[in-house]
Amino acid sequence: MIREFVRATTRIPNAIRVVTIGVIAGVWPGRDTSDIADWLDAQSPGRQTALQALVIGGLATLAVLFAQ
């Protein structure tokens, strides 16, 4: 059971990164996901974390607002 938990939690950062790239690419016209991935890689680790937190937080906020 611990192995499954560790395996699942090690994939979460990659999933968040993929979601972040997809959301930014959808909002930023004229850019595809590979451009956004390169742009995100060029950012500092702190800024990458902040961008990912902003996107996931925004999605969570929208989900709560539209669930009402």
PDB file of N, CA and C in Angstrom:
ATOM      1  N   MET A   1       0.815  -1.185   0.000  1.00  0.00           N
ATOM      2  CA  MET A   1       0.000   0.000   0.000  1.00  0.00           C
ATOM      3  C   MET A   1       0.865   1.258   0.000  1.00  0.00           C
ATOM      4  N   ILE A   2       1.950   1.238   0.734  1.00  0.00           N
ATOM      5  CA  ILE A   2       2.826   2.403   0.776  1.00  0.00           C
ATOM      6  C   ILE A   2       3.459   2.633  -0.596  1.00  0.00           C
ATOM      7  N   ARG A   3       3.806   1.557  -1.290  1.00  0.00           N
ATOM      8  CA  ARG A   3       4.389   1.708  -2.624  1.00  0.00           C
ATOM      9  C   ARG A   3       3.421   2.394  -3.580  1.00  0.00           C
ATOM     10  N   GLU A   4       2.156   2.017  -3.526  1.00  0.00           N
ATOM     11  CA  GLU A   4       1.161   2.646  -4.397  1.00  0.00           C
ATOM     12  C   GLU A   4       0.991   4.122  -4.049  1.00  0.00           C
ATOM     13  N   PHE A   5       1.020   4.431  -2.760  1.00  0.00           N
ATOM     14  CA  PHE A   5       0.899   5.817  -2.328  1.00  0.00           C
ATOM     15  C   PHE A   5       2.092   6.638  -2.824  1.00  0.00           C
ATOM     16  N   VAL A   6       3.285   6.104  -2.669  1.00  0.00           N
ATOM     17  CA  VAL A   6       4.494   6.812  -3.114  1.00  0.00           C
ATOM     18  C   VAL A   6       4.475   6.977  -4.624  1.00  0.00           C
ATOM     19  N   ARG A   7       4.074   5.932  -5.334  1.00  0.00           N
ATOM     20  CA  ARG A   7       4.023   6.009  -6.794  1.00  0.00           C
ATOM     21  C   ARG A   7       3.015   7.056  -7.245  1.00  0.00           C
ATOM     22  N   ALA A   8       1.876   7.125  -6.582  1.00  0.00           N
ATOM     23  CA  ALA A   8       0.851   8.107  -6.942  1.00  0.00           C
ATOM     24  C   ALA A   8       1.306   9.527  -6.627  1.00  0.00           C
ATOM     25  N   THR A   9       1.929   9.726  -5.483  1.00  0.00           N
ATOM     26  CA  THR A   9       2.332  11.083  -5.102  1.00  0.00           C
ATOM     27  C   THR A   9       3.538  11.571  -5.888  1.00  0.00           C
ATOM     28  N   THR A  10       4.339  10.682  -6.437  1.00  0.00           N
ATOM     29  CA  THR A  10       5.470  11.148  -7.245  1.00  0.00           C
ATOM     30  C   THR A  10       5.014  11.610  -8.620  1.00  0.00           C
ATOM     31  N   ARG A  11       3.815  11.227  -9.040  1.00  0.00           N
ATOM     32  CA  ARG A  11       3.300  11.671 -10.337  1.00  0.00           C
ATOM     33  C   ARG A  11       2.533  12.982 -10.248  1.00  0.00           C
ATOM     34  N   ILE A  12       2.196  13.426  -9.069  1.00  0.00           N
ATOM     35  CA  ILE A  12       1.394  14.635  -8.902  1.00  0.00           C
ATOM     36  C   ILE A  12       2.104  15.881  -9.441  1.00  0.00           C
ATOM     37  N   PRO A  13       3.377  16.124  -9.137  1.00  0.00           N
ATOM     38  CA  PRO A  13       4.021  17.328  -9.681  1.00  0.00           C
ATOM     39  C   PRO A  13       4.028  17.364 -11.207  1.00  0.00           C
ATOM     40  N   ASN A  14       4.238  16.218 -11.839  1.00  0.00           N
ATOM     41  CA  ASN A  14       4.223  16.186 -13.298  1.00  0.00           C
ATOM     42  C   ASN A  14       2.825  16.476 -13.833  1.00  0.00           C
ATOM     43  N   ALA A  15       1.810  15.949 -13.171  1.00  0.00           N
ATOM     44  CA  ALA A  15       0.437  16.207 -13.598  1.00  0.00           C
ATOM     45  C   ALA A  15       0.090  17.687 -13.456  1.00  0.00           C
ATOM     46  N   ILE A  16       0.521  18.294 -12.379  1.00  0.00           N
ATOM     47  CA  ILE A  16       0.266  19.728 -12.177  1.00  0.00           C
ATOM     48  C   ILE A  16       0.969  20.542 -13.252  1.00  0.00           C
ATOM     49  N   ARG A  17       2.180  20.151 -13.609  1.00  0.00           N
ATOM     50  CA  ARG A  17       2.932  20.844 -14.662  1.00  0.00           C
ATOM     51  C   ARG A  17       2.200  20.742 -16.001  1.00  0.00           C
ATOM     52  N   VAL A  18       1.703  19.555 -16.329  1.00  0.00           N
ATOM     53  CA  VAL A  18       0.987  19.353 -17.592  1.00  0.00           C
ATOM     54  C   VAL A  18      -0.292  20.185 -17.628  1.00  0.00           C
ATOM     55  N   VAL A  19      -1.015  20.225 -16.523  1.00  0.00           N
ATOM     56  CA  VAL A  19      -2.240  21.023 -16.451  1.00  0.00           C
ATOM     57  C   VAL A  19      -1.914  22.498 -16.594  1.00  0.00           C
ATOM     58  N   THR A  20      -0.862  22.942 -15.926  1.00  0.00           N
ATOM     59  CA  THR A  20      -0.451  24.345 -16.016  1.00  0.00           C
ATOM     60  C   THR A  20      -0.112  24.725 -17.449  1.00  0.00           C
ATOM     61  N   ILE A  21       0.651  23.874 -18.116  1.00  0.00           N
ATOM     62  CA  ILE A  21       1.026  24.144 -19.512  1.00  0.00           C
ATOM     63  C   ILE A  21      -0.217  24.188 -20.389  1.00  0.00           C
ATOM     64  N   GLY A  22      -1.144  23.260 -20.185  1.00  0.00           N
ATOM     65  CA  GLY A  22      -2.363  23.236 -20.988  1.00  0.00           C
ATOM     66  C   GLY A  22      -3.236  24.462 -20.786  1.00  0.00           C
ATOM     67  N   VAL A  23      -3.379  24.888 -19.547  1.00  0.00           N
ATOM     68  CA  VAL A  23      -4.214  26.065 -19.256  1.00  0.00           C
ATOM     69  C   VAL A  23      -3.576  27.322 -19.837  1.00  0.00           C
ATOM     70  N   ILE A  24      -2.289  27.489 -19.645  1.00  0.00           N
ATOM     71  CA  ILE A  24      -1.617  28.682 -20.177  1.00  0.00           C
ATOM     72  C   ILE A  24      -1.655  28.681 -21.698  1.00  0.00           C
ATOM     73  N   ALA A  25      -1.453  27.527 -22.322  1.00  0.00           N
ATOM     74  CA  ALA A  25      -1.505  27.447 -23.785  1.00  0.00           C
ATOM     75  C   ALA A  25      -2.909  27.743 -24.304  1.00  0.00           C
ATOM     76  N   GLY A  26      -3.928  27.366 -23.551  1.00  0.00           N
ATOM     77  CA  GLY A  26      -5.296  27.656 -23.961  1.00  0.00           C
ATOM     78  C   GLY A  26      -5.654  29.123 -23.855  1.00  0.00           C
ATOM     79  N   VAL A  27      -5.065  29.802 -22.904  1.00  0.00           N
ATOM     80  CA  VAL A  27      -5.375  31.218 -22.681  1.00  0.00           C
ATOM     81  C   VAL A  27      -4.479  32.130 -23.520  1.00  0.00           C
ATOM     82  N   TRP A  28      -3.284  31.666 -23.849  1.00  0.00           N
ATOM     83  CA  TRP A  28      -2.304  32.468 -24.572  1.00  0.00           C
ATOM     84  C   TRP A  28      -2.398  32.152 -26.059  1.00  0.00           C
ATOM     85  N   PRO A  29      -3.098  32.953 -26.846  1.00  0.00           N
ATOM     86  CA  PRO A  29      -3.294  32.633 -28.264  1.00  0.00           C
ATOM     87  C   PRO A  29      -1.975  32.686 -29.045  1.00  0.00           C
ATOM     88  N   GLY A  30      -1.881  31.813 -30.034  1.00  0.00           N
ATOM     89  CA  GLY A  30      -0.702  31.780 -30.886  1.00  0.00           C
ATOM     90  C   GLY A  30       0.438  30.958 -30.326  1.00  0.00           C
ATOM     91  N   ARG A  31       0.272  30.362 -29.172  1.00  0.00           N
ATOM     92  CA  ARG A  31       1.315  29.533 -28.561  1.00  0.00           C
ATOM     93  C   ARG A  31       0.802  28.110 -28.419  1.00  0.00           C
ATOM     94  N   ASP A  32       1.677  27.136 -28.662  1.00  0.00           N
ATOM     95  CA  ASP A  32       1.281  25.757 -28.431  1.00  0.00           C
ATOM     96  C   ASP A  32       1.955  25.250 -27.157  1.00  0.00           C
ATOM     97  N   THR A  33       1.657  24.016 -26.811  1.00  0.00           N
ATOM     98  CA  THR A  33       2.135  23.502 -25.527  1.00  0.00           C
ATOM     99  C   THR A  33       3.648  23.385 -25.463  1.00  0.00           C
ATOM    100  N   SER A  34       4.299  23.092 -26.581  1.00  0.00           N
ATOM    101  CA  SER A  34       5.767  22.991 -26.529  1.00  0.00           C
ATOM    102  C   SER A  34       6.415  24.351 -26.275  1.00  0.00           C
ATOM    103  N   ASP A  35       5.839  25.411 -26.853  1.00  0.00           N
ATOM    104  CA  ASP A  35       6.345  26.768 -26.577  1.00  0.00           C
ATOM    105  C   ASP A  35       6.171  27.123 -25.098  1.00  0.00           C
ATOM    106  N   ILE A  36       5.018  26.797 -24.553  1.00  0.00           N
ATOM    107  CA  ILE A  36       4.749  27.103 -23.149  1.00  0.00           C
ATOM    108  C   ILE A  36       5.651  26.274 -22.249  1.00  0.00           C
ATOM    109  N   ALA A  37       5.876  25.010 -22.593  1.00  0.00           N
ATOM    110  CA  ALA A  37       6.765  24.158 -21.786  1.00  0.00           C
ATOM    111  C   ALA A  37       8.181  24.722 -21.775  1.00  0.00           C
ATOM    112  N   ASP A  38       8.665  25.173 -22.938  1.00  0.00           N
ATOM    113  CA  ASP A  38       9.996  25.787 -22.998  1.00  0.00           C
ATOM    114  C   ASP A  38      10.043  27.071 -22.187  1.00  0.00           C
ATOM    115  N   TRP A  39       8.993  27.871 -22.286  1.00  0.00           N
ATOM    116  CA  TRP A  39       8.936  29.125 -21.538  1.00  0.00           C
ATOM    117  C   TRP A  39       8.915  28.855 -20.038  1.00  0.00           C
ATOM    118  N   LEU A  40       8.133  27.843 -19.626  1.00  0.00           N
ATOM    119  CA  LEU A  40       8.046  27.512 -18.201  1.00  0.00           C
ATOM    120  C   LEU A  40       9.380  26.982 -17.683  1.00  0.00           C
ATOM    121  N   ASP A  41      10.079  26.193 -18.501  1.00  0.00           N
ATOM    122  CA  ASP A  41      11.395  25.693 -18.101  1.00  0.00           C
ATOM    123  C   ASP A  41      12.416  26.815 -17.926  1.00  0.00           C
ATOM    124  N   ALA A  42      12.243  27.897 -18.668  1.00  0.00           N
ATOM    125  CA  ALA A  42      13.183  29.017 -18.589  1.00  0.00           C
ATOM    126  C   ALA A  42      12.976  29.858 -17.330  1.00  0.00           C
ATOM    127  N   GLN A  43      11.849  29.686 -16.647  1.00  0.00           N
ATOM    128  CA  GLN A  43      11.570  30.455 -15.436  1.00  0.00           C
ATOM    129  C   GLN A  43      12.329  29.866 -14.245  1.00  0.00           C
ATOM    130  N   SER A  44      12.522  30.668 -13.234  1.00  0.00           N
ATOM    131  CA  SER A  44      13.178  30.192 -12.015  1.00  0.00           C
ATOM    132  C   SER A  44      12.271  29.183 -11.311  1.00  0.00           C
ATOM    133  N   PRO A  45      12.843  28.286 -10.496  1.00  0.00           N
ATOM    134  CA  PRO A  45      12.007  27.304  -9.802  1.00  0.00           C
ATOM    135  C   PRO A  45      10.919  27.933  -8.929  1.00  0.00           C
ATOM    136  N   GLY A  46      11.234  29.042  -8.292  1.00  0.00           N
ATOM    137  CA  GLY A  46      10.233  29.727  -7.476  1.00  0.00           C
ATOM    138  C   GLY A  46       9.086  30.267  -8.310  1.00  0.00           C
ATOM    139  N   ARG A  47       9.421  30.819  -9.457  1.00  0.00           N
ATOM    140  CA  ARG A  47       8.372  31.350 -10.334  1.00  0.00           C
ATOM    141  C   ARG A  47       7.547  30.220 -10.946  1.00  0.00           C
ATOM    142  N   GLN A  48       8.194  29.104 -11.278  1.00  0.00           N
ATOM    143  CA  GLN A  48       7.458  27.944 -11.782  1.00  0.00           C
ATOM    144  C   GLN A  48       6.441  27.465 -10.752  1.00  0.00           C
ATOM    145  N   THR A  49       6.882  27.384  -9.507  1.00  0.00           N
ATOM    146  CA  THR A  49       5.988  26.948  -8.434  1.00  0.00           C
ATOM    147  C   THR A  49       4.843  27.933  -8.249  1.00  0.00           C
ATOM    148  N   ALA A  50       5.146  29.214  -8.313  1.00  0.00           N
ATOM    149  CA  ALA A  50       4.105  30.228  -8.158  1.00  0.00           C
ATOM    150  C   ALA A  50       3.093  30.162  -9.303  1.00  0.00           C
ATOM    151  N   LEU A  51       3.559  29.979 -10.520  1.00  0.00           N
ATOM    152  CA  LEU A  51       2.660  29.874 -11.661  1.00  0.00           C
ATOM    153  C   LEU A  51       1.778  28.637 -11.554  1.00  0.00           C
ATOM    154  N   GLN A  52       2.371  27.533 -11.142  1.00  0.00           N
ATOM    155  CA  GLN A  52       1.592  26.305 -10.995  1.00  0.00           C
ATOM    156  C   GLN A  52       0.561  26.443  -9.885  1.00  0.00           C
ATOM    157  N   ALA A  53       0.947  27.061  -8.784  1.00  0.00           N
ATOM    158  CA  ALA A  53       0.001  27.277  -7.686  1.00  0.00           C
ATOM    159  C   ALA A  53      -1.121  28.214  -8.110  1.00  0.00           C
ATOM    160  N   LEU A  54      -0.788  29.234  -8.883  1.00  0.00           N
ATOM    161  CA  LEU A  54      -1.795  30.177  -9.364  1.00  0.00           C
ATOM    162  C   LEU A  54      -2.805  29.480 -10.273  1.00  0.00           C
ATOM    163  N   VAL A  55      -2.317  28.649 -11.191  1.00  0.00           N
ATOM    164  CA  VAL A  55      -3.223  27.960 -12.114  1.00  0.00           C
ATOM    165  C   VAL A  55      -4.106  26.969 -11.362  1.00  0.00           C
ATOM    166  N   ILE A  56      -3.514  26.142 -10.507  1.00  0.00           N
ATOM    167  CA  ILE A  56      -4.299  25.151  -9.767  1.00  0.00           C
ATOM    168  C   ILE A  56      -5.273  25.849  -8.807  1.00  0.00           C
ATOM    169  N   GLY A  57      -4.829  26.901  -8.149  1.00  0.00           N
ATOM    170  CA  GLY A  57      -5.715  27.659  -7.266  1.00  0.00           C
ATOM    171  C   GLY A  57      -6.856  28.306  -8.028  1.00  0.00           C
ATOM    172  N   GLY A  58      -6.554  28.842  -9.204  1.00  0.00           N
ATOM    173  CA  GLY A  58      -7.598  29.437 -10.037  1.00  0.00           C
ATOM    174  C   GLY A  58      -8.620  28.413 -10.494  1.00  0.00           C
ATOM    175  N   LEU A  59      -8.145  27.243 -10.887  1.00  0.00           N
ATOM    176  CA  LEU A  59      -9.067  26.182 -11.294  1.00  0.00           C
ATOM    177  C   LEU A  59      -9.940  25.730 -10.123  1.00  0.00           C
ATOM    178  N   ALA A  60      -9.350  25.613  -8.945  1.00  0.00           N
ATOM    179  CA  ALA A  60     -10.114  25.211  -7.763  1.00  0.00           C
ATOM    180  C   ALA A  60     -11.155  26.270  -7.411  1.00  0.00           C
ATOM    181  N   THR A  61     -10.778  27.530  -7.509  1.00  0.00           N
ATOM    182  CA  THR A  61     -11.709  28.623  -7.215  1.00  0.00           C
ATOM    183  C   THR A  61     -12.867  28.632  -8.212  1.00  0.00           C
ATOM    184  N   LEU A  62     -12.551  28.466  -9.482  1.00  0.00           N
ATOM    185  CA  LEU A  62     -13.599  28.420 -10.497  1.00  0.00           C
ATOM    186  C   LEU A  62     -14.533  27.227 -10.286  1.00  0.00           C
ATOM    187  N   ALA A  63     -13.956  26.100  -9.890  1.00  0.00           N
ATOM    188  CA  ALA A  63     -14.779  24.918  -9.633  1.00  0.00           C
ATOM    189  C   ALA A  63     -15.751  25.161  -8.491  1.00  0.00           C
ATOM    190  N   VAL A  64     -15.295  25.820  -7.436  1.00  0.00           N
ATOM    191  CA  VAL A  64     -16.173  26.102  -6.295  1.00  0.00           C
ATOM    192  C   VAL A  64     -17.241  27.127  -6.697  1.00  0.00           C
ATOM    193  N   LEU A  65     -16.851  28.157  -7.443  1.00  0.00           N
ATOM    194  CA  LEU A  65     -17.814  29.179  -7.832  1.00  0.00           C
ATOM    195  C   LEU A  65     -18.902  28.614  -8.744  1.00  0.00           C
ATOM    196  N   PHE A  66     -18.512  27.788  -9.708  1.00  0.00           N
ATOM    197  CA  PHE A  66     -19.497  27.258 -10.639  1.00  0.00           C
ATOM    198  C   PHE A  66     -20.284  26.094 -10.063  1.00  0.00           C
ATOM    199  N   ALA A  67     -19.833  25.553  -8.945  1.00  0.00           N
ATOM    200  CA  ALA A  67     -20.573  24.469  -8.295  1.00  0.00           C
ATOM    201  C   ALA A  67     -21.761  25.012  -7.492  1.00  0.00           C
ATOM    202  N   GLN A  68     -21.757  26.298  -7.231  1.00  0.00           N
ATOM    203  CA  GLN A  68     -22.825  26.883  -6.415  1.00  0.00           C
ATOM    204  C   GLN A  68     -24.145  26.894  -7.145  1.00  0.00           C
TER     205      GLN A  68
END
